[in-house]
Amino acid sequence: MNFSYWLGHRLFGELARGLFDYRVVGAEKLQFSGPAIIASNHVSFLDPPLIGAAFDSVVHSFARKTLFDHPVAGMILRSWQVLAVDLDKPDPAALKTTIRLLRDGKKVVMFPEGTRSFDGLPQSAEAGVGLFIAKGKAPVLPVRLFGAYEAYPRGAKTLRPARITLVVGDLWQPDLKSYSETGKELYQVLANEVMHRISELRV
């Protein structure tokens, strides 16, 4: 963990606890070694750092490629282990980098829904997370954020009072050989299962 990541992790964690009474339910399930896809619902710009703050170890996440255009912002985001991704078209470089991270034993945050919810409720999963499961062969840790939508929903200009809780599910290692589907069908089936596991989590 580099100094920039440590500092950001520490500061955001303190702010989250102070402003939003941030807490983690099932924190003991975060204590494991090795790779994982940290799969979460997506309701706010706050989601990635809120998830990262729950872990003692480094987690990697994604951000829109254009956010890296500013030299200083790009430098900070990279030091926080944020990967640039082109959301407007397939990004083979991001795919290869993510699979390499998983195979190297890293943890990567992903949002199966692909975009932030408009109403705070779970949306349908896109096949992308299923592709990473199939290619990276890493287990999946489902987590769900409650209160982040109320604190900073899509379109909001300022933070709002809310209590934020991260609920951690059980680590899931799908047996890929047990599925009859292949290719894109398999990716979508896996993505749907991940989203189902996220949606079942309760405070």
Protein backbone atom coordinates (compact mmCIF):
# COMPACT_ATOMS: atom_id res chain seq x y z
CA MET A 1 0.00 0.00 0.00
CA ASN A 2 1.68 3.23 -1.14
CA PHE A 3 1.50 6.42 0.94
CA SER A 4 -1.07 8.13 -1.30
CA TYR A 5 -3.41 5.14 -1.11
CA TRP A 6 -2.92 4.83 2.65
CA LEU A 7 -3.63 8.54 3.18
CA GLY A 8 -6.74 8.54 0.97
CA HIS A 9 -7.97 5.33 2.57
CA ARG A 10 -7.49 6.74 6.07
CA LEU A 11 -9.02 10.15 5.37
CA PHE A 12 -12.05 8.86 3.50
CA GLY A 13 -12.68 6.21 6.16
CA GLU A 14 -12.67 8.87 8.89
CA LEU A 15 -14.94 11.18 6.87
CA ALA A 16 -17.37 8.36 6.11
CA ARG A 17 -17.63 7.39 9.75
CA GLY A 18 -17.97 11.01 10.86
CA LEU A 19 -20.45 12.20 8.22
CA PHE A 20 -22.46 9.05 7.58
CA ASP A 21 -21.93 6.84 10.64
CA TYR A 22 -20.43 4.37 8.17
CA ARG A 23 -20.34 0.78 9.39
CA VAL A 24 -19.72 -2.65 7.93
CA VAL A 25 -21.93 -5.66 8.63
CA GLY A 26 -20.03 -8.91 8.21
CA ALA A 27 -16.59 -7.29 8.37
CA GLU A 28 -15.04 -10.61 9.36
CA LYS A 29 -15.80 -11.89 5.85
CA LEU A 30 -13.35 -9.35 4.42
CA GLN A 31 -10.41 -11.07 6.08
CA PHE A 32 -9.17 -13.44 3.42
CA SER A 33 -6.11 -13.67 1.23
CA GLY A 34 -5.93 -14.10 -2.51
CA PRO A 35 -7.85 -12.65 -5.44
CA ALA A 36 -11.51 -11.72 -5.56
CA ILE A 37 -14.05 -9.80 -7.56
CA ILE A 38 -15.74 -7.49 -5.07
CA ALA A 39 -19.18 -7.20 -6.68
CA SER A 40 -21.47 -4.44 -5.44
CA ASN A 41 -24.66 -2.60 -6.24
CA HIS A 42 -24.03 0.83 -7.75
CA VAL A 43 -25.99 3.83 -6.49
CA SER A 44 -23.50 6.68 -6.02
CA PHE A 45 -20.11 8.14 -6.95
CA LEU A 46 -19.23 7.37 -3.31
CA ASP A 47 -19.44 3.61 -3.86
CA PRO A 48 -15.82 2.79 -4.83
CA PRO A 49 -14.13 4.61 -1.92
CA LEU A 50 -16.77 3.37 0.53
CA ILE A 51 -15.99 -0.21 -0.46
CA GLY A 52 -12.25 0.40 -0.43
CA ALA A 53 -12.46 1.90 3.07
CA ALA A 54 -13.81 -1.40 4.41
CA PHE A 55 -10.68 -3.33 3.42
CA ASP A 56 -7.35 -3.27 5.23
CA SER A 57 -5.61 -4.31 2.02
CA VAL A 58 -5.48 -2.58 -1.38
CA VAL A 59 -8.42 -2.98 -3.74
CA HIS A 60 -8.48 -1.91 -7.38
CA SER A 61 -11.41 -0.15 -9.07
CA PHE A 62 -12.42 1.53 -12.33
CA ALA A 63 -13.11 5.10 -13.40
CA ARG A 64 -14.08 6.74 -16.66
CA LYS A 65 -11.04 7.32 -18.86
CA THR A 66 -11.75 11.05 -19.25
CA LEU A 67 -11.20 11.59 -15.50
CA PHE A 68 -7.52 10.85 -16.13
CA ASP A 69 -7.17 13.68 -18.66
CA HIS A 70 -6.10 16.15 -15.98
CA PRO A 71 -2.47 15.33 -15.08
CA VAL A 72 -2.87 15.79 -11.31
CA ALA A 73 -6.18 13.93 -11.12
CA GLY A 74 -4.77 11.14 -13.24
CA MET A 75 -1.71 10.82 -11.01
CA ILE A 76 -3.84 10.66 -7.85
CA LEU A 77 -6.29 8.14 -9.32
CA ARG A 78 -3.47 5.85 -10.45
CA SER A 79 -1.86 6.04 -7.01
CA TRP A 80 -5.24 4.96 -5.58
CA GLN A 81 -5.11 1.89 -7.85
CA VAL A 82 -7.95 3.14 -10.06
CA LEU A 83 -7.95 1.75 -13.62
CA ALA A 84 -8.91 3.95 -16.56
CA VAL A 85 -11.66 2.40 -18.68
CA ASP A 86 -13.40 3.57 -21.85
CA LEU A 87 -17.11 3.23 -21.07
CA ASP A 88 -18.19 4.14 -24.60
CA LYS A 89 -16.67 1.12 -26.36
CA PRO A 90 -15.06 -2.25 -25.58
CA ASP A 91 -11.72 -1.78 -23.86
CA PRO A 92 -9.39 -4.77 -24.47
CA ALA A 93 -6.56 -3.14 -22.52
CA ALA A 94 -8.70 -2.79 -19.38
CA LEU A 95 -9.92 -6.36 -19.81
CA LYS A 96 -6.37 -7.75 -20.01
CA THR A 97 -5.18 -5.62 -17.09
CA THR A 98 -8.07 -6.72 -14.87
CA ILE A 99 -7.63 -10.42 -15.63
CA ARG A 100 -3.91 -10.08 -14.94
CA LEU A 101 -4.65 -8.44 -11.58
CA LEU A 102 -7.00 -11.26 -10.60
CA ARG A 103 -4.52 -13.92 -11.65
CA ASP A 104 -1.85 -12.10 -9.64
CA GLY A 105 -3.97 -12.41 -6.50
CA LYS A 106 -5.44 -8.88 -6.38
CA LYS A 107 -8.92 -7.74 -5.39
CA VAL A 108 -10.96 -5.74 -7.93
CA VAL A 109 -14.21 -3.85 -7.30
CA MET A 110 -16.88 -4.31 -9.98
CA PHE A 111 -20.45 -3.14 -10.43
CA PRO A 112 -22.48 -5.76 -12.32
CA GLU A 113 -25.16 -3.20 -13.17
CA GLY A 114 -22.63 -1.21 -15.17
CA THR A 115 -24.00 2.19 -14.19
CA ARG A 116 -25.46 3.97 -11.17
CA SER A 117 -29.09 3.26 -10.31
CA PHE A 118 -31.59 6.07 -10.92
CA ASP A 119 -33.77 5.10 -7.93
CA GLY A 120 -31.40 3.31 -5.57
CA LEU A 121 -32.87 -0.11 -6.33
CA PRO A 122 -30.93 -3.01 -7.86
CA GLN A 123 -30.86 -3.10 -11.67
CA SER A 124 -30.32 -5.92 -14.13
CA ALA A 125 -26.76 -7.17 -14.45
CA GLU A 126 -24.69 -6.73 -17.58
CA ALA A 127 -22.64 -9.66 -18.84
CA GLY A 128 -19.27 -7.99 -18.24
CA VAL A 129 -18.75 -9.21 -14.69
CA GLY A 130 -19.50 -12.75 -15.88
CA LEU A 131 -16.72 -12.49 -18.43
CA PHE A 132 -14.24 -11.56 -15.69
CA ILE A 133 -15.43 -14.46 -13.54
CA ALA A 134 -14.99 -16.91 -16.42
CA LYS A 135 -11.62 -15.57 -17.58
CA GLY A 136 -10.10 -14.58 -14.25
CA LYS A 137 -11.35 -17.66 -12.38
CA ALA A 138 -11.41 -15.66 -9.15
CA PRO A 139 -14.04 -16.02 -6.42
CA VAL A 140 -16.72 -13.37 -6.01
CA LEU A 141 -17.48 -11.47 -2.81
CA PRO A 142 -20.96 -9.89 -3.03
CA VAL A 143 -21.45 -6.70 -1.04
CA ARG A 144 -24.32 -4.22 -0.89
CA LEU A 145 -24.36 -0.57 0.10
CA PHE A 146 -27.33 0.91 1.92
CA GLY A 147 -27.66 4.67 2.39
CA ALA A 148 -25.17 5.76 -0.28
CA TYR A 149 -28.03 6.62 -2.64
CA GLU A 150 -29.62 8.80 0.03
CA ALA A 151 -26.27 10.47 0.75
CA TYR A 152 -25.30 11.28 -2.83
CA PRO A 153 -27.74 10.06 -5.50
CA ARG A 154 -27.29 10.37 -9.21
CA GLY A 155 -27.62 14.03 -10.25
CA ALA A 156 -27.04 15.44 -6.75
CA LYS A 157 -24.80 18.48 -6.37
CA THR A 158 -24.12 18.20 -2.64
CA LEU A 159 -23.90 15.53 0.02
CA ARG A 160 -27.02 14.79 2.07
CA PRO A 161 -27.46 13.47 5.62
CA ALA A 162 -27.67 9.67 5.65
CA ARG A 163 -26.45 6.59 7.49
CA ILE A 164 -24.39 4.31 5.23
CA THR A 165 -23.93 0.59 5.79
CA LEU A 166 -21.96 -1.93 3.77
CA VAL A 167 -23.27 -5.49 4.07
CA VAL A 168 -20.81 -8.24 3.17
CA GLY A 169 -21.99 -11.57 1.78
CA ASP A 170 -20.29 -14.95 1.53
CA LEU A 171 -17.38 -15.59 -0.80
CA TRP A 172 -18.64 -17.52 -3.84
CA GLN A 173 -16.47 -19.65 -6.11
CA PRO A 174 -18.60 -20.79 -9.07
CA ASP A 175 -17.86 -24.21 -10.53
CA LEU A 176 -17.52 -23.18 -14.16
CA LYS A 177 -17.55 -26.80 -15.34
CA SER A 178 -21.09 -27.26 -13.99
CA TYR A 179 -22.61 -24.74 -16.42
CA SER A 180 -23.98 -25.91 -19.76
CA GLU A 181 -23.86 -22.40 -21.24
CA THR A 182 -20.82 -21.05 -23.06
CA GLY A 183 -19.57 -17.69 -24.29
CA LYS A 184 -21.84 -14.70 -23.81
CA GLU A 185 -24.67 -16.87 -22.47
CA LEU A 186 -22.41 -18.12 -19.69
CA TYR A 187 -21.24 -14.59 -18.89
CA GLN A 188 -24.82 -13.40 -18.53
CA VAL A 189 -25.84 -16.37 -16.36
CA LEU A 190 -22.89 -15.74 -14.05
CA ALA A 191 -23.66 -12.01 -13.93
CA ASN A 192 -27.30 -12.70 -13.07
CA GLU A 193 -26.25 -15.00 -10.23
CA VAL A 194 -23.91 -12.36 -8.84
CA MET A 195 -26.65 -9.72 -8.94
CA HIS A 196 -29.05 -12.11 -7.23
CA ARG A 197 -26.57 -12.66 -4.41
CA ILE A 198 -26.09 -8.90 -4.01
CA SER A 199 -29.84 -8.22 -3.99
CA GLU A 200 -30.43 -10.82 -1.27
CA LEU A 201 -28.18 -9.01 1.21
CA ARG A 202 -30.01 -7.12 3.95
CA VAL A 203 -28.97 -4.81 6.78
